[in-house]
Amino acid sequence: MSLTPAEDRRLNKIEAEILTLTRLIKGAGSKNQLNRLLVLQQKTNEELEEKVEGLESEMSDLLALARKLQ
């Protein structure tokens, strides 16, 4: 029994989606690896937040000086 062109396209699309999902699952890594990545990202975020706070403080100081000059 042969497939109609529509059935063939549908099966090809499903096979492509299955391959994509398989690659995504394999590339995701283990739960332990994902947890390590999460911890590293959280540390990076904390460092960036500290830098931003420092910059905000400097900007406040600069704005205060600019107001005094006016």
N, C-alpha and C. Protein backbone atom coordinates (compact mmCIF):
# COMPACT_ATOMS: atom_id res chain seq x y z
N MET A 1 0.85 -1.17 0.00
CA MET A 1 0.00 0.00 0.00
C MET A 1 0.90 1.24 0.00
N SER A 2 0.63 2.16 -0.87
CA SER A 2 1.44 3.36 -0.96
C SER A 2 0.74 4.51 -0.23
N LEU A 3 1.57 5.45 0.19
CA LEU A 3 1.04 6.61 0.90
C LEU A 3 0.67 7.71 -0.08
N THR A 4 -0.32 8.46 0.30
CA THR A 4 -0.67 9.62 -0.51
C THR A 4 0.39 10.70 -0.25
N PRO A 5 0.52 11.66 -1.14
CA PRO A 5 1.50 12.72 -0.92
C PRO A 5 1.29 13.47 0.41
N ALA A 6 0.05 13.68 0.79
CA ALA A 6 -0.24 14.37 2.06
C ALA A 6 0.22 13.53 3.25
N GLU A 7 -0.04 12.22 3.20
CA GLU A 7 0.40 11.34 4.28
C GLU A 7 1.93 11.28 4.34
N ASP A 8 2.55 11.24 3.20
CA ASP A 8 4.01 11.21 3.14
C ASP A 8 4.60 12.48 3.76
N ARG A 9 4.05 13.62 3.42
CA ARG A 9 4.53 14.89 4.00
C ARG A 9 4.32 14.90 5.51
N ARG A 10 3.17 14.43 5.94
CA ARG A 10 2.86 14.40 7.37
C ARG A 10 3.85 13.51 8.11
N LEU A 11 4.15 12.33 7.57
CA LEU A 11 5.11 11.43 8.21
C LEU A 11 6.51 12.03 8.22
N ASN A 12 6.91 12.67 7.13
CA ASN A 12 8.22 13.31 7.09
C ASN A 12 8.33 14.42 8.13
N LYS A 13 7.25 15.18 8.29
CA LYS A 13 7.23 16.25 9.28
C LYS A 13 7.34 15.69 10.69
N ILE A 14 6.62 14.62 10.97
CA ILE A 14 6.67 13.99 12.29
C ILE A 14 8.07 13.44 12.56
N GLU A 15 8.68 12.79 11.58
CA GLU A 15 10.03 12.25 11.74
C GLU A 15 11.03 13.37 12.02
N ALA A 16 10.89 14.50 11.34
CA ALA A 16 11.79 15.63 11.55
C ALA A 16 11.62 16.19 12.96
N GLU A 17 10.39 16.27 13.43
CA GLU A 17 10.13 16.76 14.78
C GLU A 17 10.70 15.82 15.82
N ILE A 18 10.59 14.52 15.59
CA ILE A 18 11.15 13.53 16.51
C ILE A 18 12.67 13.68 16.58
N LEU A 19 13.31 13.85 15.43
CA LEU A 19 14.76 14.03 15.42
C LEU A 19 15.18 15.30 16.15
N THR A 20 14.43 16.37 15.96
CA THR A 20 14.72 17.62 16.65
C THR A 20 14.59 17.46 18.16
N LEU A 21 13.51 16.83 18.60
CA LEU A 21 13.31 16.60 20.03
C LEU A 21 14.40 15.71 20.61
N THR A 22 14.80 14.70 19.87
CA THR A 22 15.87 13.80 20.33
C THR A 22 17.16 14.57 20.52
N ARG A 23 17.50 15.43 19.56
CA ARG A 23 18.73 16.24 19.67
C ARG A 23 18.66 17.18 20.87
N LEU A 24 17.50 17.79 21.09
CA LEU A 24 17.33 18.69 22.23
C LEU A 24 17.50 17.96 23.56
N ILE A 25 16.91 16.79 23.66
CA ILE A 25 17.00 16.02 24.90
C ILE A 25 18.43 15.58 25.15
N LYS A 26 19.10 15.10 24.13
CA LYS A 26 20.50 14.66 24.29
C LYS A 26 21.42 15.83 24.62
N GLY A 27 21.12 17.00 24.07
CA GLY A 27 21.97 18.17 24.29
C GLY A 27 21.71 18.86 25.61
N ALA A 28 20.63 18.51 26.28
CA ALA A 28 20.27 19.20 27.52
C ALA A 28 21.22 18.88 28.66
N GLY A 29 21.83 17.73 28.66
CA GLY A 29 22.73 17.35 29.74
C GLY A 29 21.97 16.74 30.90
N SER A 30 22.73 16.32 31.88
CA SER A 30 22.11 15.69 33.04
C SER A 30 21.59 16.75 34.00
N LYS A 31 20.81 16.31 34.95
CA LYS A 31 20.25 17.22 35.95
C LYS A 31 21.39 17.86 36.74
N ASN A 32 22.42 17.09 37.05
CA ASN A 32 23.57 17.60 37.78
C ASN A 32 24.28 18.71 36.99
N GLN A 33 24.47 18.49 35.70
CA GLN A 33 25.12 19.50 34.86
C GLN A 33 24.28 20.77 34.80
N LEU A 34 22.97 20.62 34.65
CA LEU A 34 22.09 21.78 34.59
C LEU A 34 22.10 22.54 35.91
N ASN A 35 22.16 21.82 37.04
CA ASN A 35 22.23 22.48 38.34
C ASN A 35 23.54 23.25 38.49
N ARG A 36 24.64 22.69 38.00
CA ARG A 36 25.92 23.39 38.06
C ARG A 36 25.87 24.66 37.22
N LEU A 37 25.28 24.57 36.03
CA LEU A 37 25.14 25.75 35.19
C LEU A 37 24.28 26.81 35.87
N LEU A 38 23.24 26.38 36.55
CA LEU A 38 22.37 27.31 37.26
C LEU A 38 23.14 28.04 38.35
N VAL A 39 23.94 27.30 39.13
CA VAL A 39 24.73 27.91 40.20
C VAL A 39 25.73 28.91 39.62
N LEU A 40 26.41 28.53 38.54
CA LEU A 40 27.36 29.45 37.91
C LEU A 40 26.66 30.71 37.41
N GLN A 41 25.49 30.55 36.82
CA GLN A 41 24.75 31.69 36.32
C GLN A 41 24.30 32.59 37.46
N GLN A 42 23.89 32.00 38.57
CA GLN A 42 23.47 32.80 39.71
C GLN A 42 24.64 33.61 40.26
N LYS A 43 25.84 33.00 40.33
CA LYS A 43 27.03 33.72 40.79
C LYS A 43 27.34 34.88 39.84
N THR A 44 27.25 34.63 38.55
CA THR A 44 27.50 35.69 37.57
C THR A 44 26.50 36.82 37.74
N ASN A 45 25.23 36.47 37.95
CA ASN A 45 24.20 37.50 38.15
C ASN A 45 24.49 38.33 39.40
N GLU A 46 24.93 37.67 40.48
CA GLU A 46 25.24 38.40 41.71
C GLU A 46 26.39 39.36 41.48
N GLU A 47 27.42 38.92 40.76
CA GLU A 47 28.56 39.79 40.46
C GLU A 47 28.13 41.00 39.63
N LEU A 48 27.28 40.74 38.65
CA LEU A 48 26.79 41.84 37.82
C LEU A 48 25.93 42.82 38.63
N GLU A 49 25.12 42.29 39.54
CA GLU A 49 24.30 43.16 40.38
C GLU A 49 25.18 44.06 41.24
N GLU A 50 26.28 43.51 41.78
CA GLU A 50 27.19 44.31 42.59
C GLU A 50 27.82 45.43 41.75
N LYS A 51 28.22 45.09 40.54
CA LYS A 51 28.81 46.10 39.65
C LYS A 51 27.79 47.19 39.32
N VAL A 52 26.57 46.80 39.06
CA VAL A 52 25.53 47.77 38.73
C VAL A 52 25.26 48.68 39.93
N GLU A 53 25.23 48.10 41.12
CA GLU A 53 25.01 48.92 42.31
C GLU A 53 26.13 49.94 42.48
N GLY A 54 27.37 49.51 42.22
CA GLY A 54 28.50 50.43 42.29
C GLY A 54 28.38 51.55 41.28
N LEU A 55 27.97 51.21 40.07
CA LEU A 55 27.80 52.21 39.02
C LEU A 55 26.66 53.17 39.36
N GLU A 56 25.60 52.64 39.92
CA GLU A 56 24.47 53.50 40.31
C GLU A 56 24.91 54.50 41.37
N SER A 57 25.73 54.04 42.30
CA SER A 57 26.24 54.92 43.34
C SER A 57 27.11 56.02 42.74
N GLU A 58 27.99 55.65 41.82
CA GLU A 58 28.84 56.63 41.15
C GLU A 58 28.00 57.63 40.35
N MET A 59 26.95 57.14 39.68
CA MET A 59 26.08 58.03 38.91
C MET A 59 25.37 59.01 39.83
N SER A 60 24.93 58.54 40.98
CA SER A 60 24.27 59.43 41.94
C SER A 60 25.23 60.53 42.38
N ASP A 61 26.48 60.14 42.66
CA ASP A 61 27.49 61.12 43.07
C ASP A 61 27.73 62.14 41.95
N LEU A 62 27.84 61.66 40.72
CA LEU A 62 28.06 62.56 39.60
C LEU A 62 26.88 63.51 39.38
N LEU A 63 25.68 62.99 39.52
CA LEU A 63 24.50 63.83 39.36
C LEU A 63 24.43 64.90 40.47
N ALA A 64 24.80 64.50 41.68
CA ALA A 64 24.82 65.48 42.77
C ALA A 64 25.83 66.57 42.48
N LEU A 65 27.01 66.20 41.98
CA LEU A 65 28.03 67.20 41.63
C LEU A 65 27.56 68.10 40.49
N ALA A 66 26.89 67.52 39.51
CA ALA A 66 26.38 68.29 38.38
C ALA A 66 25.33 69.30 38.85
N ARG A 67 24.49 68.90 39.80
CA ARG A 67 23.47 69.81 40.33
C ARG A 67 24.13 70.99 41.07
N LYS A 68 25.21 70.67 41.79
CA LYS A 68 25.92 71.73 42.51
C LYS A 68 26.54 72.73 41.54
N LEU A 69 27.01 72.24 40.40
CA LEU A 69 27.64 73.13 39.42
C LEU A 69 26.64 74.05 38.76
N GLN A 70 25.39 73.66 38.72
CA GLN A 70 24.38 74.49 38.06
C GLN A 70 24.09 75.63 38.94
